[in-house]
Amino acid sequence: MADHGTTAANETEGPAAPQDPAVGRRGLYILYETMIEATIRPDGKYTQEIYLDGSQLVDKARFTGGVTDETILELLKSSSGLRRLVDCIGISVHAHERDVSSALFTFWNWGKANPYETGSRQTITCPANGTETLLVLDDDECRYSDDHVPGKFVLEFERGGALATASIVFYLRDGYQVPEVAADPPVDVESQAYQDMIKKSLISPGHNKRLKAAIEKAKRGEPVTIAYIGGSITQGAGAVPLHSQCYAYQSYDLFKRRFAPAADSPMRLIKAGVGGTPSELGIVRYDRDVLREGEVQPDIVIVEFAVNDAGDETKGNCYESLVLKALRADHKPAVILLFSVFVNDWNLQDRLAPVGWHYNLPMVSVKDAVTEQFRYSKEQGNVITKRQFFYDIYHPTNAGHRVMADCLGWLFEVTDRSSIDEEDLTDVQSPLIGNDFALTKLLDRRNGDRFARIDPGGFSDIDTDLQTAEMDDHAYGTPQFPHNWMHTADSGKHSFKMTIRSKSLILVYKDSGSRAFGTANIWVDGKLKKTADPHEVNWTHCSAVILYNESKSEEHVVEIQMAEGHEDKRFTILGFGYVP
């Protein structure tokens, strides 16, 4: 099975092994009773992809399989090591619909020559009735000499939207032992222990006048809009189906069911999460994705960047600017700060919560709710295990998204029960970290000529292979920054030039794993400001970088030119965020 039209250097159909290789052997679970969904890919196939590169396979072995043996973890870091360790892979797929009879499983190794276009692939057809199928691995180093690291597992179905529960387990060769994995009891969301866990999430109810106003509007049957902006967790990653099981939809639905007088009450969900992006990009797209260019005036805005903002160059300035951009709107929305968490119990709450305290905003921490009880056994008071909460090391499962929604629901309930704070909150105090980017506007091919003088030069094409995100309650992905400028192999050497008057400027460009993309140099007023390499992240992704941030607005000349030796490569300028 090929992805995005690529051709494997070594693709084989793996025969089903006889059942006895796994009998009586303890397996290392990489995926354990996990919900998956077949979604359409750019190549037209319906798949669920489980990525293994970077630290992802090791993290899955550690957190899903309970492995602490460093020898085993080290072997999982390379294709050759994995083949020395693993005898066969067990795949179990249990479809939720009767019309889904099978799935095609592919184990894909990234190649040395070109990670995403070479390397071996082994495929096997698995029945979708829960029966385990075994894919035997060959440890012949010569046969797989181009394999570098384990790349991904792919489960392909015949139609989109197919739902299934899947497990993937490594059966190890002689001499290696892993802990036994016991099934977790179901999470009892009606228990007092669950409710007590949820209540720990409320850092502060904050000043409640704006949130109570939204609740009262809903009770009167008036239109209420709840908006969410953040990274991949807000997009819904890990939820299956994503559009209806993500925390944003679940908490919006909870708010509606709790406060609206009828099922058809006029409430609207605005969901604007984009995977792998910090508030540095959020501030650029806020007007477009949340306010919908002035069409939407949300009553509630929930900001979730607690696990994405490690990539924020401003260390909180863009985050506080985004909060203030929402808070200072004429329609006075309630602004809620939401702090999600990674599987290693990490987030940036210590950096970002002081912004909430500074403006007396409601704050909800999923980290505060779940991390302490993760350390407990069931007898000691564990409510939900990490394996139940996390789909992978970054994203929640459906159960994890439910916890996040219930944490927001507790804030809604506490606010509803509380007396109203009569005076509106104030944002006239000096910023805590900074507000340099609060007035940021998006500039792209669609509107650029109104605000700047632009000569696209060799960046005259438009890139249509873009990062997508499921917005609002949509099951389909929306391409991000479609009004862009792209350099191609046939564009020539002429640079992109823009003259603009502004205080600050953020460049948004496309990352890519394709070798067709190359490096570009960015010059500001004749000085080299940055060399942008789209392979630093190495997947189709929006990357934001600050080109300048000054105290007053002045005219600047920005020039973007392909680096020497990369003139025949592609590079996509997705857009700019500028402060007039």
Protein backbone atom coordinates (compact mmCIF):
# COMPACT_ATOMS: atom_id res chain seq x y z
CA MET A 1 0.00 0.00 0.00
CA ALA A 2 1.47 3.34 -1.01
CA ASP A 3 0.71 6.71 0.52
CA HIS A 4 0.37 9.96 -1.46
CA GLY A 5 1.33 8.13 -4.63
CA THR A 6 4.81 7.13 -3.45
CA THR A 7 6.50 3.89 -4.41
CA ALA A 8 8.08 1.65 -1.84
CA ALA A 9 11.57 0.33 -2.34
CA ASN A 10 10.55 -2.99 -0.84
CA GLU A 11 6.85 -3.80 -0.44
CA THR A 12 5.71 -7.26 0.46
CA GLU A 13 2.43 -8.96 1.25
CA GLY A 14 2.99 -10.55 4.63
CA PRO A 15 1.48 -13.99 4.99
CA ALA A 16 -0.61 -14.69 8.03
CA ALA A 17 1.53 -16.65 10.43
CA PRO A 18 0.30 -19.85 11.99
CA GLN A 19 -1.44 -19.00 15.24
CA ASP A 20 1.05 -20.77 17.51
CA PRO A 21 3.84 -18.10 17.41
CA ALA A 22 1.79 -15.98 19.81
CA VAL A 23 0.32 -18.72 21.94
CA GLY A 24 1.43 -18.45 25.54
CA ARG A 25 3.64 -15.45 24.85
CA ARG A 26 3.28 -12.10 26.51
CA GLY A 27 2.91 -9.28 24.03
CA LEU A 28 4.07 -5.67 23.99
CA TYR A 29 0.98 -3.57 23.27
CA ILE A 30 1.47 -0.59 20.99
CA LEU A 31 -2.27 0.00 20.57
CA TYR A 32 -4.68 -1.42 23.13
CA GLU A 33 -8.44 -1.58 22.51
CA THR A 34 -8.30 1.80 20.80
CA MET A 35 -11.08 3.41 18.77
CA ILE A 36 -10.06 4.18 15.19
CA GLU A 37 -11.82 5.83 12.26
CA ALA A 38 -11.23 5.60 8.51
CA THR A 39 -10.82 9.11 7.15
CA ILE A 40 -10.14 10.13 3.57
CA ARG A 41 -6.54 10.95 2.68
CA PRO A 42 -5.13 13.03 -0.20
CA ASP A 43 -4.61 9.82 -2.21
CA GLY A 44 -8.33 9.02 -1.94
CA LYS A 45 -7.91 6.09 0.46
CA TYR A 46 -9.77 5.71 3.77
CA THR A 47 -7.27 5.06 6.54
CA GLN A 48 -6.27 5.42 10.16
CA GLU A 49 -2.57 6.16 10.52
CA ILE A 50 -0.54 5.46 13.67
CA TYR A 51 2.82 7.23 13.50
CA LEU A 52 5.89 5.61 15.04
CA ASP A 53 8.79 7.94 14.15
CA GLY A 54 10.62 10.28 16.48
CA SER A 55 9.95 9.10 20.02
CA GLN A 56 6.41 7.95 19.29
CA LEU A 57 6.98 4.18 19.16
CA VAL A 58 9.14 4.25 22.29
CA ASP A 59 6.52 6.35 24.06
CA LYS A 60 3.76 3.95 23.06
CA ALA A 61 5.81 1.03 24.37
CA ARG A 62 6.47 2.88 27.60
CA PHE A 63 2.98 4.19 28.31
CA THR A 64 0.73 1.65 26.60
CA GLY A 65 2.88 -1.44 27.05
CA GLY A 66 4.37 -0.53 30.42
CA VAL A 67 7.94 -1.21 29.24
CA THR A 68 10.80 0.12 31.39
CA ASP A 69 13.58 -2.12 30.02
CA GLU A 70 15.97 0.32 28.30
CA THR A 71 17.38 -2.43 26.08
CA ILE A 72 13.96 -3.04 24.56
CA LEU A 73 13.23 0.68 24.22
CA GLU A 74 16.56 1.23 22.47
CA LEU A 75 15.87 -1.54 19.95
CA LEU A 76 12.55 0.08 19.04
CA LYS A 77 14.33 3.22 17.83
CA SER A 78 15.56 1.65 14.57
CA SER A 79 14.11 -0.66 11.94
CA SER A 80 16.95 -3.14 12.32
CA GLY A 81 16.58 -3.13 16.11
CA LEU A 82 12.84 -3.71 15.88
CA ARG A 83 13.35 -6.69 13.58
CA ARG A 84 15.86 -8.20 16.00
CA LEU A 85 13.36 -7.72 18.83
CA VAL A 86 9.98 -8.55 17.28
CA ASP A 87 9.06 -11.93 15.85
CA CYS A 88 5.57 -11.02 14.65
CA ILE A 89 2.92 -8.33 14.96
CA GLY A 90 -0.58 -9.20 16.12
CA ILE A 91 -3.38 -7.08 14.69
CA SER A 92 -6.97 -7.24 15.94
CA VAL A 93 -9.68 -5.12 14.33
CA HIS A 94 -13.29 -5.19 15.47
CA ALA A 95 -15.52 -3.11 13.20
CA HIS A 96 -18.51 -1.34 14.71
CA GLU A 97 -20.64 -1.77 11.58
CA ARG A 98 -21.57 -5.08 9.97
CA ASP A 99 -20.78 -3.95 6.43
CA VAL A 100 -17.07 -3.62 7.27
CA SER A 101 -15.58 -7.06 6.80
CA SER A 102 -11.83 -6.45 6.66
CA ALA A 103 -9.00 -3.94 6.87
CA LEU A 104 -5.65 -3.82 5.11
CA PHE A 105 -2.80 -3.42 7.60
CA THR A 106 0.55 -1.95 6.52
CA PHE A 107 3.76 -1.67 8.52
CA TRP A 108 5.79 1.09 6.88
CA ASN A 109 9.48 1.77 7.57
CA TRP A 110 10.99 5.11 6.63
CA GLY A 111 13.90 4.71 4.22
CA LYS A 112 17.44 6.04 4.54
CA ALA A 113 17.55 7.48 1.04
CA ASN A 114 14.23 9.32 1.29
CA PRO A 115 12.24 8.77 4.50
CA TYR A 116 8.74 8.98 3.04
CA GLU A 117 9.33 7.53 -0.41
CA THR A 118 11.65 4.59 0.19
CA GLY A 119 11.84 1.88 2.83
CA SER A 120 9.96 -1.40 3.12
CA ARG A 121 6.24 -1.94 3.60
CA GLN A 122 4.62 -5.16 4.69
CA THR A 123 0.89 -5.57 4.25
CA ILE A 124 -1.66 -8.11 5.36
CA THR A 125 -5.44 -8.29 5.21
CA CYS A 126 -7.13 -8.59 8.61
CA PRO A 127 -10.71 -9.70 9.26
CA ALA A 128 -12.75 -7.01 11.02
CA ASN A 129 -14.42 -9.41 13.46
CA GLY A 130 -11.83 -9.09 16.24
CA THR A 131 -9.82 -12.16 15.25
CA GLU A 132 -6.08 -11.61 15.65
CA THR A 133 -3.97 -11.74 12.49
CA LEU A 134 -0.21 -12.24 12.76
CA LEU A 135 2.30 -10.53 10.48
CA VAL A 136 5.67 -12.30 10.67
CA LEU A 137 8.74 -10.05 10.49
CA ASP A 138 11.93 -10.99 8.69
CA ASP A 139 15.18 -10.02 10.45
CA ASP A 140 17.27 -10.31 7.26
CA GLU A 141 19.27 -7.05 7.38
CA CYS A 142 20.39 -7.36 3.75
CA ARG A 143 16.83 -7.60 2.44
CA TYR A 144 15.83 -4.38 4.21
CA SER A 145 19.10 -2.47 3.93
CA ASP A 146 17.35 0.84 3.15
CA ASP A 147 15.10 0.74 6.23
CA HIS A 148 16.02 3.39 8.77
CA VAL A 149 13.33 3.78 11.44
CA PRO A 150 9.80 2.46 11.98
CA GLY A 151 7.52 4.96 10.25
CA LYS A 152 3.86 4.18 10.76
CA PHE A 153 1.11 1.61 10.86
CA VAL A 154 -1.78 2.12 8.46
CA LEU A 155 -5.20 0.48 8.63
CA GLU A 156 -7.08 0.94 5.36
CA PHE A 157 -10.83 0.41 4.98
CA GLU A 158 -13.11 0.30 1.96
CA ARG A 159 -15.14 3.36 2.98
CA GLY A 160 -14.80 6.52 4.96
CA GLY A 161 -16.29 6.87 8.41
CA ALA A 162 -15.79 3.20 9.29
CA LEU A 163 -15.31 2.84 13.05
CA ALA A 164 -13.45 0.02 14.75
CA THR A 165 -11.67 -0.94 17.95
CA ALA A 166 -8.10 -2.05 17.30
CA SER A 167 -5.16 -3.55 19.15
CA ILE A 168 -1.62 -3.92 17.83
CA VAL A 169 0.82 -6.07 19.80
CA PHE A 170 4.47 -7.05 19.29
CA TYR A 171 5.32 -10.66 20.07
CA LEU A 172 9.00 -10.68 21.00
CA ARG A 173 11.75 -13.09 20.15
CA ASP A 174 13.18 -15.38 22.79
CA GLY A 175 15.08 -13.66 25.57
CA TYR A 176 12.94 -10.55 25.91
CA GLN A 177 10.20 -10.04 28.51
CA VAL A 178 7.59 -7.30 28.93
CA PRO A 179 5.02 -6.65 31.68
CA GLU A 180 1.62 -8.23 31.42
CA VAL A 181 -1.08 -5.78 30.35
CA ALA A 182 -4.30 -6.10 32.33
CA ALA A 183 -7.59 -4.68 31.11
CA ASP A 184 -8.68 -1.45 32.78
CA PRO A 185 -12.14 -1.42 34.35
CA PRO A 186 -14.54 1.06 32.72
CA VAL A 187 -14.40 4.67 33.89
CA ASP A 188 -17.40 5.33 36.13
CA VAL A 189 -18.38 8.86 35.21
CA GLU A 190 -21.29 8.76 37.67
CA SER A 191 -19.11 8.01 40.69
CA GLN A 192 -18.29 10.49 43.42
CA ALA A 193 -14.61 9.87 42.80
CA TYR A 194 -15.02 10.99 39.18
CA GLN A 195 -16.90 14.10 40.25
CA ASP A 196 -14.24 14.93 42.85
CA MET A 197 -11.55 14.55 40.19
CA ILE A 198 -13.38 16.91 37.83
CA LYS A 199 -13.79 19.54 40.57
CA LYS A 200 -10.01 19.73 41.00
CA SER A 201 -9.77 21.23 37.52
CA LEU A 202 -11.19 24.61 38.52
CA ILE A 203 -8.20 26.86 39.15
CA SER A 204 -10.40 29.95 39.38
CA PRO A 205 -13.99 30.83 38.44
CA GLY A 206 -12.65 34.31 37.66
CA HIS A 207 -14.83 37.34 37.18
CA ASN A 208 -18.15 35.78 36.22
CA LYS A 209 -20.30 38.58 34.78
CA ARG A 210 -19.60 37.77 31.13
CA LEU A 211 -19.96 34.01 31.48
CA LYS A 212 -23.17 34.38 33.48
CA ALA A 213 -24.50 36.71 30.77
CA ALA A 214 -23.92 33.96 28.17
CA ILE A 215 -25.63 31.38 30.39
CA GLU A 216 -28.65 33.66 30.91
CA LYS A 217 -28.89 34.28 27.15
CA ALA A 218 -28.99 30.53 26.59
CA LYS A 219 -31.69 30.09 29.24
CA ARG A 220 -33.84 32.70 27.48
CA GLY A 221 -33.50 30.77 24.21
CA GLU A 222 -31.45 33.54 22.60
CA PRO A 223 -28.54 32.83 20.19
CA VAL A 224 -25.29 31.92 21.95
CA THR A 225 -21.96 31.22 20.24
CA ILE A 226 -19.14 29.32 21.93
CA ALA A 227 -15.73 29.55 20.23
CA TYR A 228 -12.61 27.45 20.81
CA ILE A 229 -9.10 28.22 19.59
CA GLY A 230 -6.04 26.06 20.18
CA GLY A 231 -3.90 23.27 18.80
CA SER A 232 -4.55 19.67 17.81
CA ILE A 233 -6.43 18.81 21.02
CA THR A 234 -8.93 21.55 20.22
CA GLN A 235 -9.00 20.33 16.62
CA GLY A 236 -10.10 17.01 18.15
CA ALA A 237 -7.09 14.74 17.64
CA GLY A 238 -7.58 11.36 19.31
CA ALA A 239 -11.37 11.61 19.34
CA VAL A 240 -13.35 9.13 17.23
CA PRO A 241 -15.41 10.34 15.41
CA LEU A 242 -13.45 13.54 15.78
CA HIS A 243 -16.19 16.04 15.03
CA SER A 244 -18.66 14.72 17.62
CA GLN A 245 -16.41 13.25 20.33
CA CYS A 246 -13.84 16.04 20.70
CA TYR A 247 -13.92 18.03 23.94
CA ALA A 248 -15.00 21.18 22.12
CA TYR A 249 -18.16 19.61 20.70
CA GLN A 250 -18.86 17.67 23.90
CA SER A 251 -18.60 20.76 26.12
CA TYR A 252 -20.62 22.86 23.66
CA ASP A 253 -23.30 20.15 23.67
CA LEU A 254 -23.16 19.93 27.47
CA PHE A 255 -23.67 23.72 27.74
CA LYS A 256 -26.61 23.53 25.34
CA ARG A 257 -28.28 20.62 27.10
CA ARG A 258 -27.78 22.21 30.52
CA PHE A 259 -28.97 25.74 29.78
CA ALA A 260 -30.91 25.98 26.51
CA PRO A 261 -34.69 25.53 26.88
CA ALA A 262 -35.07 23.38 23.75
CA ALA A 263 -33.00 21.12 21.51
CA ASP A 264 -33.46 23.53 18.61
CA SER A 265 -32.37 26.61 20.58
CA PRO A 266 -30.08 28.80 18.43
CA MET A 267 -26.59 27.92 19.60
CA ARG A 268 -23.47 27.87 17.44
CA LEU A 269 -20.12 26.12 17.77
CA ILE A 270 -16.97 27.78 16.39
CA LYS A 271 -14.06 25.35 16.60
CA ALA A 272 -10.70 26.66 15.41
CA GLY A 273 -8.00 24.21 16.49
CA VAL A 274 -5.03 23.59 14.19
CA GLY A 275 -2.61 20.77 14.98
CA GLY A 276 0.96 21.52 16.00
CA THR A 277 0.58 25.30 16.13
CA PRO A 278 1.11 27.79 18.99
CA SER A 279 -0.61 31.05 19.91
CA GLU A 280 1.96 32.73 17.66
CA LEU A 281 -0.09 31.39 14.75
CA GLY A 282 -3.37 31.66 16.67
CA ILE A 283 -3.05 35.44 16.84
CA VAL A 284 -2.61 35.58 13.06
CA ARG A 285 -5.74 33.54 12.30
CA TYR A 286 -8.04 34.73 15.11
CA ASP A 287 -10.02 37.20 12.99
CA ARG A 288 -10.40 34.66 10.19
CA ASP A 289 -11.07 31.46 12.13
CA VAL A 290 -12.91 32.70 15.24
CA LEU A 291 -14.55 35.98 14.23
CA ARG A 292 -15.00 34.80 10.63
CA GLU A 293 -13.94 38.21 9.35
CA GLY A 294 -16.48 40.03 11.54
CA GLU A 295 -19.45 37.73 10.90
CA VAL A 296 -19.28 36.12 14.35
CA GLN A 297 -19.35 37.71 17.78
CA PRO A 298 -18.79 34.83 20.20
CA ASP A 299 -20.30 34.98 23.66
CA ILE A 300 -17.63 32.64 25.04
CA VAL A 301 -14.05 32.15 23.82
CA ILE A 302 -12.05 29.20 25.17
CA VAL A 303 -8.27 29.42 24.63
CA GLU A 304 -6.25 26.17 24.72
CA PHE A 305 -2.51 26.51 24.02
CA ALA A 306 -1.02 25.04 27.20
CA VAL A 307 0.77 22.20 25.40
CA ASN A 308 1.49 23.99 22.11
CA ASP A 309 3.17 27.17 23.25
CA ALA A 310 6.61 25.71 23.81
CA GLY A 311 7.09 26.86 20.21
CA ASP A 312 6.02 30.46 20.93
CA GLU A 313 9.10 32.61 20.29
CA THR A 314 7.68 35.37 22.50
CA LYS A 315 7.38 33.16 25.62
CA GLY A 316 3.87 34.37 26.38
CA ASN A 317 3.59 37.73 24.60
CA CYS A 318 1.58 36.21 21.74
CA TYR A 319 -0.55 34.26 24.22
CA GLU A 320 -1.42 37.33 26.29
CA SER A 321 -1.99 39.30 23.08
CA LEU A 322 -4.46 36.66 21.91
CA VAL A 323 -6.26 36.71 25.24
CA LEU A 324 -6.51 40.50 25.10
CA LYS A 325 -7.66 40.46 21.47
CA ALA A 326 -10.63 38.36 22.58
CA LEU A 327 -11.18 40.14 25.88
CA ARG A 328 -11.22 43.67 24.44
CA ALA A 329 -13.81 42.96 21.73
CA ASP A 330 -16.74 45.36 21.74
CA HIS A 331 -19.23 42.52 22.27
CA LYS A 332 -17.45 41.56 25.53
CA PRO A 333 -17.14 37.78 25.37
CA ALA A 334 -16.29 35.64 28.35
CA VAL A 335 -12.71 34.41 27.92
CA ILE A 336 -11.81 31.05 29.51
CA LEU A 337 -8.26 29.71 29.73
CA LEU A 338 -8.05 25.93 29.38
CA PHE A 339 -4.86 24.02 30.23
CA SER A 340 -4.61 20.56 28.65
CA VAL A 341 -1.83 18.07 29.48
CA PHE A 342 0.56 15.59 27.85
CA VAL A 343 1.08 11.99 28.95
CA ASN A 344 4.25 12.98 30.86
CA ASP A 345 2.12 15.30 33.07
CA TRP A 346 3.58 18.39 31.39
CA ASN A 347 2.05 21.65 30.25
CA LEU A 348 2.86 25.37 30.32
CA GLN A 349 0.38 26.25 33.03
CA ASP A 350 3.02 27.91 35.22
CA ARG A 351 3.77 30.37 32.40
CA LEU A 352 0.23 30.96 31.19
CA ALA A 353 -1.96 30.87 34.32
CA PRO A 354 -0.48 34.15 35.65
CA VAL A 355 -2.09 35.83 32.61
CA GLY A 356 -5.45 34.53 33.82
CA TRP A 357 -4.84 35.70 37.37
CA HIS A 358 -3.75 39.11 36.04
CA TYR A 359 -7.10 39.68 34.29
CA ASN A 360 -9.22 37.61 36.74
CA LEU A 361 -10.32 35.15 34.06
CA PRO A 362 -11.94 31.74 34.55
CA MET A 363 -9.28 29.02 34.33
CA VAL A 364 -9.65 25.24 34.00
CA SER A 365 -6.75 22.80 34.29
CA VAL A 366 -7.07 19.24 33.03
CA LYS A 367 -3.59 18.68 34.46
CA ASP A 368 -4.78 19.54 37.98
CA ALA A 369 -7.73 17.18 37.58
CA VAL A 370 -6.02 14.01 36.39
CA THR A 371 -2.28 13.88 37.05
CA GLU A 372 -2.35 13.15 40.80
CA GLN A 373 -4.78 10.23 40.46
CA PHE A 374 -2.73 8.78 37.56
CA ARG A 375 -0.19 7.69 40.19
CA TYR A 376 -2.73 5.71 42.21
CA SER A 377 -3.89 2.13 41.91
CA LYS A 378 -7.64 1.48 41.77
CA GLU A 379 -7.52 0.64 45.48
CA GLN A 380 -5.80 3.95 46.20
CA GLY A 381 -8.32 5.99 44.25
CA ASN A 382 -7.41 5.90 40.56
CA VAL A 383 -10.38 7.02 38.45
CA ILE A 384 -8.95 6.89 34.91
CA THR A 385 -5.62 5.44 33.81
CA LYS A 386 -3.24 7.08 31.39
CA ARG A 387 -3.98 4.36 28.89
CA GLN A 388 -7.68 5.22 29.13
CA PHE A 389 -7.13 8.97 28.99
CA PHE A 390 -4.49 9.23 26.24
CA TYR A 391 -4.83 8.10 22.64
CA ASP A 392 -1.11 8.75 22.20
CA ILE A 393 1.44 10.74 24.19
CA TYR A 394 -0.15 14.04 23.14
CA HIS A 395 -3.86 13.57 22.56
CA PRO A 396 -6.81 12.32 24.62
CA THR A 397 -9.03 9.38 23.79
CA ASN A 398 -12.80 9.79 23.70
CA ALA A 399 -12.73 9.26 27.46
CA GLY A 400 -10.03 11.92 27.82
CA HIS A 401 -11.99 14.37 25.71
CA ARG A 402 -15.02 13.59 27.91
CA VAL A 403 -12.99 14.50 31.00
CA MET A 404 -11.95 17.79 29.41
CA ALA A 405 -15.55 18.60 28.53
CA ASP A 406 -16.71 17.77 32.04
CA CYS A 407 -14.02 20.03 33.50
CA LEU A 408 -15.44 22.92 31.48
CA GLY A 409 -18.92 21.78 32.49
CA TRP A 410 -17.99 22.13 36.16
CA LEU A 411 -16.96 25.75 35.52
CA PHE A 412 -20.31 26.36 33.81
CA GLU A 413 -22.15 24.83 36.77
CA VAL A 414 -20.20 26.76 39.42
CA THR A 415 -20.77 30.00 37.51
CA ASP A 416 -24.47 29.35 37.15
CA ARG A 417 -24.83 28.79 40.89
CA SER A 418 -22.80 31.85 41.89
CA SER A 419 -23.93 35.41 42.52
CA ILE A 420 -23.13 37.74 39.65
CA ASP A 421 -20.12 40.05 39.80
CA GLU A 422 -21.86 43.35 39.10
CA GLU A 423 -18.96 45.38 37.71
CA ASP A 424 -17.44 44.22 34.43
CA LEU A 425 -13.83 43.14 34.56
CA THR A 426 -11.18 45.57 33.41
CA ASP A 427 -8.26 45.12 31.07
CA VAL A 428 -6.80 48.61 31.46
CA GLN A 429 -3.91 47.40 33.60
CA SER A 430 -0.47 47.05 32.04
CA PRO A 431 0.15 43.68 30.39
CA LEU A 432 1.85 41.02 32.46
CA ILE A 433 4.10 39.62 29.70
CA GLY A 434 3.24 41.78 26.71
CA ASN A 435 0.50 42.80 24.29
CA ASP A 436 2.62 43.63 21.25
CA PHE A 437 0.56 41.44 18.90
CA ALA A 438 -3.00 42.13 20.10
CA LEU A 439 -3.84 44.10 16.92
CA THR A 440 -2.43 41.50 14.52
CA LYS A 441 -4.17 41.22 11.15
CA LEU A 442 -3.84 38.49 8.49
CA LEU A 443 -2.30 39.42 5.15
CA ASP A 444 -2.35 36.92 2.28
CA ARG A 445 -2.75 36.78 -1.50
CA ARG A 446 -6.45 37.64 -1.17
CA ASN A 447 -6.01 41.01 0.56
CA GLY A 448 -2.28 41.75 0.41
CA ASP A 449 -2.43 44.45 -2.25
CA ARG A 450 -4.68 46.55 0.02
CA PHE A 451 -2.08 46.80 2.77
CA ALA A 452 1.29 46.42 1.06
CA ARG A 453 3.11 46.68 -2.25
CA ILE A 454 3.81 43.11 -3.34
CA ASP A 455 5.82 41.72 -6.23
CA PRO A 456 5.50 37.92 -5.99
CA GLY A 457 8.37 37.34 -8.41
CA GLY A 458 9.03 33.61 -8.67
CA PHE A 459 6.47 32.90 -5.94
CA SER A 460 3.56 33.18 -8.34
CA ASP A 461 1.92 29.76 -8.02
CA ILE A 462 -0.68 28.67 -5.44
CA ASP A 463 -0.10 25.64 -3.21
CA THR A 464 -3.15 23.42 -2.76
CA ASP A 465 -1.48 20.63 -0.74
CA LEU A 466 -2.05 22.24 2.65
CA GLN A 467 -2.48 21.34 6.29
CA THR A 468 -6.15 20.77 6.99
CA ALA A 469 -8.21 21.06 10.16
CA GLU A 470 -11.75 19.98 10.99
CA MET A 471 -13.46 23.25 11.86
CA ASP A 472 -16.66 23.68 13.88
CA ASP A 473 -18.66 20.42 13.84
CA HIS A 474 -17.40 19.37 10.42
CA ALA A 475 -16.12 15.86 9.77
CA TYR A 476 -14.05 17.10 6.82
CA GLY A 477 -10.81 19.07 6.87
CA THR A 478 -10.54 22.71 5.82
CA PRO A 479 -7.27 23.69 4.05
CA GLN A 480 -5.32 26.25 6.02
CA PHE A 481 -4.06 29.42 4.29
CA PRO A 482 -5.28 28.63 0.76
CA HIS A 483 -4.51 32.18 -0.47
CA ASN A 484 -0.75 31.71 -0.60
CA TRP A 485 2.30 32.27 -2.77
CA MET A 486 4.37 29.28 -3.89
CA HIS A 487 7.74 29.00 -5.59
CA THR A 488 8.18 25.97 -7.86
CA ALA A 489 10.97 24.41 -9.91
CA ASP A 490 9.77 26.35 -12.95
CA SER A 491 9.36 29.73 -11.23
CA GLY A 492 12.83 31.06 -11.83
CA LYS A 493 15.16 32.85 -9.42
CA HIS A 494 13.20 36.05 -8.85
CA SER A 495 12.46 36.78 -5.20
CA PHE A 496 9.21 37.69 -3.46
CA LYS A 497 9.26 41.36 -2.41
CA MET A 498 6.86 43.17 -0.10
CA THR A 499 6.94 46.75 1.16
CA ILE A 500 4.73 47.27 4.21
CA ARG A 501 4.32 49.78 7.01
CA SER A 502 3.92 47.97 10.33
CA LYS A 503 5.23 47.64 13.87
CA SER A 504 5.47 43.87 13.84
CA LEU A 505 5.47 41.15 11.21
CA ILE A 506 4.97 37.39 11.48
CA LEU A 507 5.73 35.16 8.50
CA VAL A 508 3.68 31.97 8.08
CA TYR A 509 5.23 29.39 5.77
CA LYS A 510 4.61 25.75 4.98
CA ASP A 511 6.58 22.88 6.46
CA SER A 512 6.70 19.74 4.34
CA GLY A 513 8.13 16.23 4.31
CA SER A 514 8.45 16.30 0.53
CA ARG A 515 11.94 16.53 -0.95
CA ALA A 516 10.50 18.84 -3.59
CA PHE A 517 10.59 21.61 -0.97
CA GLY A 518 13.73 23.58 -0.24
CA THR A 519 15.13 26.33 1.94
CA ALA A 520 14.52 30.06 1.54
CA ASN A 521 16.31 33.11 2.90
CA ILE A 522 14.23 35.93 4.39
CA TRP A 523 15.65 39.44 4.26
CA VAL A 524 14.27 42.51 6.05
CA ASP A 525 15.54 45.91 4.93
CA GLY A 526 18.51 44.27 3.24
CA LYS A 527 19.56 42.20 6.26
CA LEU A 528 19.28 38.41 6.38
CA LYS A 529 16.73 37.75 9.11
CA LYS A 530 16.14 34.01 8.85
CA THR A 531 16.81 30.94 6.77
CA ALA A 532 13.53 29.02 6.67
CA ASP A 533 13.87 25.25 6.30
CA PRO A 534 10.51 23.51 5.69
CA HIS A 535 12.04 20.19 6.77
CA GLU A 536 12.64 21.19 10.39
CA VAL A 537 9.18 19.84 11.23
CA ASN A 538 9.03 17.59 8.15
CA TRP A 539 5.27 17.26 7.77
CA THR A 540 2.66 19.39 6.05
CA HIS A 541 2.18 22.02 8.67
CA CYS A 542 1.85 25.79 9.22
CA SER A 543 4.95 27.41 10.72
CA ALA A 544 4.96 30.96 12.15
CA VAL A 545 8.11 33.02 12.75
CA ILE A 546 8.52 36.62 13.87
CA LEU A 547 10.48 38.78 11.43
CA TYR A 548 10.42 41.93 13.53
CA ASN A 549 8.66 43.49 16.52
CA GLU A 550 9.29 47.20 17.06
CA SER A 551 7.93 50.02 19.17
CA LYS A 552 6.56 52.11 16.30
CA SER A 553 5.23 51.53 12.82
CA GLU A 554 7.70 52.10 10.01
CA GLU A 555 8.06 51.06 6.39
CA HIS A 556 9.99 47.85 5.83
CA VAL A 557 11.02 45.87 2.78
CA VAL A 558 10.75 42.09 3.07
CA GLU A 559 12.41 39.87 0.48
CA ILE A 560 12.17 36.08 0.29
CA GLN A 561 14.49 34.21 -2.05
CA MET A 562 15.33 30.56 -2.50
CA ALA A 563 18.68 29.69 -0.91
CA GLU A 564 21.65 28.88 -3.12
CA GLY A 565 21.30 25.38 -4.51
CA HIS A 566 17.54 25.34 -3.84
CA GLU A 567 16.43 27.44 -6.81
CA ASP A 568 14.66 24.44 -8.34
CA LYS A 569 12.77 23.63 -5.13
CA ARG A 570 9.37 24.61 -3.82
CA PHE A 571 8.65 26.99 -0.97
CA THR A 572 5.24 28.26 0.11
CA ILE A 573 4.57 31.60 1.79
CA LEU A 574 1.21 30.95 3.46
CA GLY A 575 0.68 34.51 4.66
CA PHE A 576 1.73 37.17 7.16
CA GLY A 577 0.44 38.55 10.43
CA TYR A 578 1.10 42.27 10.75
CA VAL A 579 0.50 44.91 13.39
CA PRO A 580 -0.24 48.29 11.73
